[in-house]
């Protein structure tokens, strides 16, 4: 499953937010997310399985409990992809900022000239 397919689901994104705070038992995740999204334990378990098989989460056994943790590596890949887009927009936003600053300077110059013309003095 592609990273954005995994991250496209609000339940899985919320689970990842909880796991980003630290390791959680499957029961904790079910209680937190199940209540918030009004979904059953099997549905939450299915989301946990998808996160595990796609590499976004790891699981380890501790007795009868299953403890889930965030695996940041796939998120790094998503961040790298987004960085390419960010570079594209940053260049354009920088150019827009330059044009806005030029416009502001031009308006100040016109206002100062207008003040000088109407009062005979500057400022």
N, C-alpha and C. Protein backbone atom coordinates (compact mmCIF):
# COMPACT_ATOMS: atom_id res chain seq x y z
N UNK A 1 0.85 -1.18 0.00
CA UNK A 1 0.00 0.00 0.00
C UNK A 1 0.90 1.24 0.00
N UNK A 2 0.58 2.21 -0.84
CA UNK A 2 1.34 3.45 -0.93
C UNK A 2 1.18 4.27 0.35
N UNK A 3 2.20 5.05 0.66
CA UNK A 3 2.19 5.85 1.89
C UNK A 3 0.97 6.75 1.97
N UNK A 4 0.61 7.39 0.87
CA UNK A 4 -0.52 8.32 0.92
C UNK A 4 -1.86 7.59 1.01
N UNK A 5 -1.90 6.35 0.56
CA UNK A 5 -3.10 5.54 0.79
C UNK A 5 -3.26 5.28 2.28
N UNK A 6 -2.15 4.99 2.93
CA UNK A 6 -2.17 4.74 4.37
C UNK A 6 -2.55 6.01 5.12
N UNK A 7 -1.89 7.11 4.77
CA UNK A 7 -2.10 8.38 5.48
C UNK A 7 -3.40 9.07 5.09
N UNK A 8 -4.03 8.62 4.03
CA UNK A 8 -5.27 9.23 3.58
C UNK A 8 -6.45 8.95 4.48
N UNK A 9 -6.33 7.98 5.35
CA UNK A 9 -7.42 7.61 6.24
C UNK A 9 -7.31 8.35 7.56
N UNK A 10 -8.35 9.06 7.99
CA UNK A 10 -8.27 9.84 9.23
C UNK A 10 -8.06 8.98 10.48
N UNK A 11 -8.58 7.76 10.49
CA UNK A 11 -8.38 6.89 11.65
C UNK A 11 -6.90 6.52 11.77
N UNK A 12 -6.29 6.15 10.65
CA UNK A 12 -4.87 5.78 10.69
C UNK A 12 -4.00 6.98 11.05
N UNK A 13 -4.35 8.15 10.54
CA UNK A 13 -3.58 9.35 10.92
C UNK A 13 -3.68 9.59 12.42
N UNK A 14 -4.85 9.40 12.98
CA UNK A 14 -5.04 9.62 14.42
C UNK A 14 -4.26 8.58 15.22
N UNK A 15 -4.27 7.34 14.77
CA UNK A 15 -3.48 6.30 15.45
C UNK A 15 -2.01 6.70 15.44
N UNK A 16 -1.51 7.16 14.31
CA UNK A 16 -0.12 7.58 14.23
C UNK A 16 0.17 8.75 15.17
N UNK A 17 -0.77 9.66 15.31
CA UNK A 17 -0.59 10.77 16.26
C UNK A 17 -0.45 10.24 17.68
N UNK A 18 -1.26 9.26 18.04
CA UNK A 18 -1.16 8.65 19.37
C UNK A 18 0.18 7.92 19.54
N UNK A 19 0.59 7.20 18.50
CA UNK A 19 1.86 6.47 18.58
C UNK A 19 3.05 7.41 18.62
N UNK A 20 2.90 8.60 18.05
CA UNK A 20 3.99 9.59 18.09
C UNK A 20 4.25 10.05 19.52
N UNK A 21 3.27 9.92 20.38
CA UNK A 21 3.42 10.29 21.79
C UNK A 21 4.15 9.21 22.58
N UNK A 22 4.26 8.02 22.01
CA UNK A 22 4.95 6.92 22.68
C UNK A 22 4.24 5.60 22.41
N UNK A 23 4.92 4.56 22.79
CA UNK A 23 4.40 3.21 22.59
C UNK A 23 3.06 3.04 23.29
N UNK A 24 2.13 2.35 22.63
CA UNK A 24 0.79 2.12 23.18
C UNK A 24 0.39 0.67 22.96
N UNK A 25 -0.36 0.16 23.92
CA UNK A 25 -0.89 -1.19 23.75
C UNK A 25 -2.04 -1.14 22.77
N UNK A 26 -2.32 -2.29 22.15
CA UNK A 26 -3.44 -2.36 21.22
C UNK A 26 -4.72 -1.95 21.93
N UNK A 27 -4.88 -2.36 23.17
CA UNK A 27 -6.08 -2.00 23.93
C UNK A 27 -6.21 -0.50 24.12
N UNK A 28 -5.09 0.19 24.39
CA UNK A 28 -5.12 1.65 24.52
C UNK A 28 -5.56 2.31 23.22
N UNK A 29 -4.99 1.83 22.12
CA UNK A 29 -5.32 2.41 20.82
C UNK A 29 -6.79 2.18 20.52
N UNK A 30 -7.28 0.98 20.80
CA UNK A 30 -8.70 0.69 20.57
C UNK A 30 -9.57 1.62 21.40
N UNK A 31 -9.21 1.81 22.67
CA UNK A 31 -10.01 2.68 23.54
C UNK A 31 -10.01 4.12 23.05
N UNK A 32 -8.83 4.63 22.69
CA UNK A 32 -8.71 6.02 22.26
C UNK A 32 -9.40 6.28 20.92
N UNK A 33 -9.04 5.48 19.94
CA UNK A 33 -9.51 5.71 18.58
C UNK A 33 -10.92 5.17 18.37
N UNK A 34 -11.20 4.03 18.97
CA UNK A 34 -12.53 3.45 18.83
C UNK A 34 -13.61 4.38 19.32
N UNK A 35 -13.38 4.99 20.46
CA UNK A 35 -14.36 5.92 21.02
C UNK A 35 -14.46 7.19 20.16
N UNK A 36 -13.32 7.73 19.77
CA UNK A 36 -13.30 8.98 18.99
C UNK A 36 -14.01 8.84 17.65
N UNK A 37 -13.81 7.69 16.98
CA UNK A 37 -14.40 7.50 15.66
C UNK A 37 -15.61 6.58 15.67
N UNK A 38 -15.99 6.13 16.85
CA UNK A 38 -17.14 5.23 17.01
C UNK A 38 -17.00 4.00 16.10
N UNK A 39 -15.82 3.35 16.20
CA UNK A 39 -15.59 2.13 15.44
C UNK A 39 -15.26 0.98 16.39
N UNK A 40 -15.43 -0.21 15.92
CA UNK A 40 -15.27 -1.40 16.75
C UNK A 40 -13.80 -1.78 16.94
N UNK A 41 -13.57 -2.67 17.89
CA UNK A 41 -12.22 -3.19 18.13
C UNK A 41 -11.66 -3.88 16.89
N UNK A 42 -12.44 -4.71 16.18
CA UNK A 42 -11.89 -5.32 14.96
C UNK A 42 -11.51 -4.29 13.90
N UNK A 43 -12.27 -3.20 13.80
CA UNK A 43 -11.95 -2.17 12.82
C UNK A 43 -10.64 -1.48 13.17
N UNK A 44 -10.43 -1.16 14.46
CA UNK A 44 -9.18 -0.54 14.89
C UNK A 44 -8.03 -1.51 14.65
N UNK A 45 -8.25 -2.77 14.96
CA UNK A 45 -7.20 -3.79 14.74
C UNK A 45 -6.81 -3.87 13.27
N UNK A 46 -7.78 -3.72 12.39
CA UNK A 46 -7.49 -3.74 10.95
C UNK A 46 -6.61 -2.54 10.58
N UNK A 47 -6.90 -1.38 11.13
CA UNK A 47 -6.08 -0.19 10.86
C UNK A 47 -4.66 -0.40 11.41
N UNK A 48 -4.55 -0.99 12.59
CA UNK A 48 -3.23 -1.26 13.16
C UNK A 48 -2.45 -2.23 12.27
N UNK A 49 -3.14 -3.23 11.74
CA UNK A 49 -2.49 -4.19 10.84
C UNK A 49 -1.96 -3.49 9.59
N UNK A 50 -2.77 -2.60 9.03
CA UNK A 50 -2.34 -1.86 7.83
C UNK A 50 -1.12 -1.00 8.15
N UNK A 51 -1.13 -0.33 9.29
CA UNK A 51 0.02 0.49 9.68
C UNK A 51 1.26 -0.37 9.87
N UNK A 52 1.09 -1.54 10.45
CA UNK A 52 2.22 -2.45 10.67
C UNK A 52 2.75 -3.00 9.35
N UNK A 53 1.87 -3.47 8.48
CA UNK A 53 2.34 -4.10 7.23
C UNK A 53 2.89 -3.06 6.25
N UNK A 54 2.47 -1.82 6.37
CA UNK A 54 2.98 -0.77 5.49
C UNK A 54 4.25 -0.13 6.04
N UNK A 55 4.65 -0.52 7.25
CA UNK A 55 5.90 -0.04 7.82
C UNK A 55 5.79 1.21 8.68
N UNK A 56 4.59 1.74 8.87
CA UNK A 56 4.43 2.94 9.68
C UNK A 56 4.44 2.66 11.18
N UNK A 57 4.22 1.42 11.55
CA UNK A 57 4.20 1.06 12.97
C UNK A 57 4.90 -0.27 13.16
N UNK A 58 5.46 -0.42 14.34
CA UNK A 58 6.04 -1.71 14.73
C UNK A 58 5.22 -2.26 15.87
N UNK A 59 5.32 -3.56 16.08
CA UNK A 59 4.60 -4.20 17.18
C UNK A 59 5.55 -5.17 17.87
N UNK A 60 5.42 -5.24 19.18
CA UNK A 60 6.18 -6.22 19.94
C UNK A 60 5.26 -6.81 21.00
N UNK A 61 5.52 -8.06 21.28
CA UNK A 61 4.71 -8.75 22.29
C UNK A 61 5.33 -8.53 23.66
N UNK A 62 4.47 -8.30 24.62
CA UNK A 62 4.87 -8.24 26.03
C UNK A 62 3.84 -9.04 26.80
N UNK A 63 4.16 -10.29 27.03
CA UNK A 63 3.16 -11.18 27.62
C UNK A 63 2.03 -11.37 26.64
N UNK A 64 0.82 -11.09 27.10
CA UNK A 64 -0.35 -11.22 26.22
C UNK A 64 -0.68 -9.92 25.50
N UNK A 65 0.04 -8.87 25.83
CA UNK A 65 -0.22 -7.57 25.21
C UNK A 65 0.60 -7.39 23.94
N UNK A 66 0.07 -6.60 23.03
CA UNK A 66 0.78 -6.19 21.83
C UNK A 66 1.01 -4.69 21.94
N UNK A 67 2.28 -4.29 21.88
CA UNK A 67 2.63 -2.88 22.02
C UNK A 67 3.04 -2.32 20.66
N UNK A 68 2.39 -1.25 20.29
CA UNK A 68 2.63 -0.62 18.99
C UNK A 68 3.45 0.65 19.18
N UNK A 69 4.34 0.91 18.22
CA UNK A 69 5.16 2.12 18.24
C UNK A 69 5.24 2.66 16.82
N UNK A 70 5.46 3.94 16.73
CA UNK A 70 5.62 4.61 15.44
C UNK A 70 6.98 4.27 14.86
N UNK A 71 7.01 3.94 13.58
CA UNK A 71 8.28 3.78 12.86
C UNK A 71 8.41 5.01 11.96
N UNK A 72 9.35 5.90 12.26
CA UNK A 72 9.42 7.18 11.53
C UNK A 72 9.97 7.08 10.10
N UNK A 73 10.55 5.96 9.73
CA UNK A 73 11.19 5.87 8.41
C UNK A 73 10.25 6.18 7.25
N UNK A 74 9.06 5.57 7.17
CA UNK A 74 8.17 5.90 6.05
C UNK A 74 7.73 7.37 6.06
N UNK A 75 7.64 7.96 7.24
CA UNK A 75 7.27 9.37 7.31
C UNK A 75 8.38 10.24 6.73
N UNK A 76 9.62 9.81 6.88
CA UNK A 76 10.74 10.52 6.27
C UNK A 76 10.64 10.52 4.77
N UNK A 77 10.20 9.39 4.20
CA UNK A 77 10.02 9.31 2.76
C UNK A 77 8.93 10.26 2.30
N UNK A 78 7.85 10.36 3.07
CA UNK A 78 6.76 11.28 2.74
C UNK A 78 7.27 12.72 2.85
N UNK A 79 8.05 13.00 3.88
CA UNK A 79 8.61 14.33 4.05
C UNK A 79 9.54 14.71 2.90
N UNK A 80 10.34 13.75 2.45
CA UNK A 80 11.24 14.01 1.31
C UNK A 80 10.43 14.36 0.07
N UNK A 81 9.35 13.63 -0.16
CA UNK A 81 8.49 13.90 -1.31
C UNK A 81 7.89 15.30 -1.19
N UNK A 82 7.38 15.63 -0.01
CA UNK A 82 6.77 16.94 0.21
C UNK A 82 7.80 18.06 0.08
N UNK A 83 9.05 17.80 0.44
CA UNK A 83 10.09 18.82 0.35
C UNK A 83 10.27 19.28 -1.09
N UNK A 84 10.15 18.37 -2.04
CA UNK A 84 10.24 18.74 -3.44
C UNK A 84 9.15 19.72 -3.83
N UNK A 85 7.96 19.49 -3.34
CA UNK A 85 6.86 20.42 -3.60
C UNK A 85 7.07 21.73 -2.88
N UNK A 86 7.58 21.65 -1.67
CA UNK A 86 7.82 22.85 -0.87
C UNK A 86 8.83 23.76 -1.58
N UNK A 87 9.89 23.18 -2.14
CA UNK A 87 10.87 23.97 -2.88
C UNK A 87 10.21 24.69 -4.05
N UNK A 88 9.33 24.00 -4.75
CA UNK A 88 8.59 24.58 -5.87
C UNK A 88 7.81 25.80 -5.41
N UNK A 89 7.06 25.66 -4.31
CA UNK A 89 6.24 26.77 -3.84
C UNK A 89 7.06 27.85 -3.15
N UNK A 90 8.12 27.49 -2.46
CA UNK A 90 8.92 28.50 -1.77
C UNK A 90 9.50 29.51 -2.75
N UNK A 91 9.95 29.04 -3.91
CA UNK A 91 10.48 29.96 -4.92
C UNK A 91 9.40 30.95 -5.35
N UNK A 92 8.21 30.45 -5.57
CA UNK A 92 7.13 31.30 -6.02
C UNK A 92 6.67 32.24 -4.90
N UNK A 93 6.63 31.74 -3.68
CA UNK A 93 6.24 32.59 -2.56
C UNK A 93 7.30 33.66 -2.28
N UNK A 94 8.56 33.31 -2.43
CA UNK A 94 9.63 34.32 -2.29
C UNK A 94 9.47 35.42 -3.33
N UNK A 95 9.18 35.03 -4.57
CA UNK A 95 8.98 36.02 -5.64
C UNK A 95 7.76 36.89 -5.33
N UNK A 96 6.70 36.29 -4.84
CA UNK A 96 5.51 37.05 -4.47
C UNK A 96 5.85 38.03 -3.35
N UNK A 97 6.61 37.59 -2.34
CA UNK A 97 7.01 38.46 -1.25
C UNK A 97 7.81 39.66 -1.75
N UNK A 98 8.70 39.42 -2.70
CA UNK A 98 9.48 40.51 -3.29
C UNK A 98 8.57 41.51 -3.98
N UNK A 99 7.62 41.02 -4.77
CA UNK A 99 6.70 41.91 -5.48
C UNK A 99 5.82 42.68 -4.51
N UNK A 100 5.36 42.04 -3.45
CA UNK A 100 4.55 42.74 -2.45
C UNK A 100 5.35 43.85 -1.77
N UNK A 101 6.62 43.56 -1.45
CA UNK A 101 7.48 44.58 -0.83
C UNK A 101 7.69 45.75 -1.77
N UNK A 102 7.91 45.47 -3.06
CA UNK A 102 8.07 46.55 -4.05
C UNK A 102 6.81 47.41 -4.11
N UNK A 103 5.66 46.76 -4.12
CA UNK A 103 4.39 47.48 -4.17
C UNK A 103 4.20 48.35 -2.93
N UNK A 104 4.56 47.81 -1.76
CA UNK A 104 4.43 48.59 -0.52
C UNK A 104 5.35 49.80 -0.55
N UNK A 105 6.58 49.62 -1.05
CA UNK A 105 7.50 50.76 -1.16
C UNK A 105 6.95 51.81 -2.12
N UNK A 106 6.40 51.35 -3.23
CA UNK A 106 5.86 52.28 -4.22
C UNK A 106 4.67 53.05 -3.63
N UNK A 107 3.81 52.37 -2.86
CA UNK A 107 2.67 53.05 -2.24
C UNK A 107 3.14 54.08 -1.21
N UNK A 108 4.16 53.73 -0.43
CA UNK A 108 4.71 54.69 0.55
C UNK A 108 5.27 55.92 -0.17
N UNK A 109 5.96 55.69 -1.27
CA UNK A 109 6.54 56.81 -2.02
C UNK A 109 5.44 57.72 -2.56
N UNK A 110 4.35 57.14 -3.07
CA UNK A 110 3.23 57.93 -3.58
C UNK A 110 2.57 58.69 -2.42
N UNK A 111 2.37 58.01 -1.28
CA UNK A 111 1.75 58.66 -0.11
C UNK A 111 2.62 59.82 0.39
N UNK A 112 3.92 59.62 0.45
CA UNK A 112 4.83 60.68 0.90
C UNK A 112 4.79 61.86 -0.06
N UNK A 113 4.75 61.58 -1.35
CA UNK A 113 4.69 62.65 -2.35
C UNK A 113 3.38 63.40 -2.20
N UNK A 114 2.28 62.65 -1.98
CA UNK A 114 0.97 63.27 -1.81
C UNK A 114 0.96 64.15 -0.57
N UNK A 115 1.53 63.66 0.55
CA UNK A 115 1.60 64.46 1.77
C UNK A 115 2.40 65.74 1.54
N UNK A 116 3.49 65.64 0.83
CA UNK A 116 4.33 66.80 0.54
C UNK A 116 3.58 67.80 -0.33
N UNK A 117 2.85 67.32 -1.33
CA UNK A 117 2.12 68.18 -2.26
C UNK A 117 0.97 68.91 -1.56
N UNK A 118 0.30 68.25 -0.62
CA UNK A 118 -0.87 68.87 0.01
C UNK A 118 -0.54 69.73 1.20
N UNK A 119 0.56 69.47 1.88
CA UNK A 119 0.89 70.25 3.07
C UNK A 119 2.07 71.16 2.86
N UNK A 120 2.81 70.92 1.84
CA UNK A 120 4.00 71.70 1.59
C UNK A 120 5.16 71.30 2.45
N UNK A 121 4.98 70.27 3.25
CA UNK A 121 6.08 69.75 4.07
C UNK A 121 6.04 68.24 4.06
N UNK A 122 7.12 67.63 4.41
CA UNK A 122 7.22 66.17 4.40
C UNK A 122 6.80 65.64 5.76
N UNK A 123 6.36 64.30 5.75
CA UNK A 123 6.07 63.60 7.00
C UNK A 123 4.72 63.81 7.38
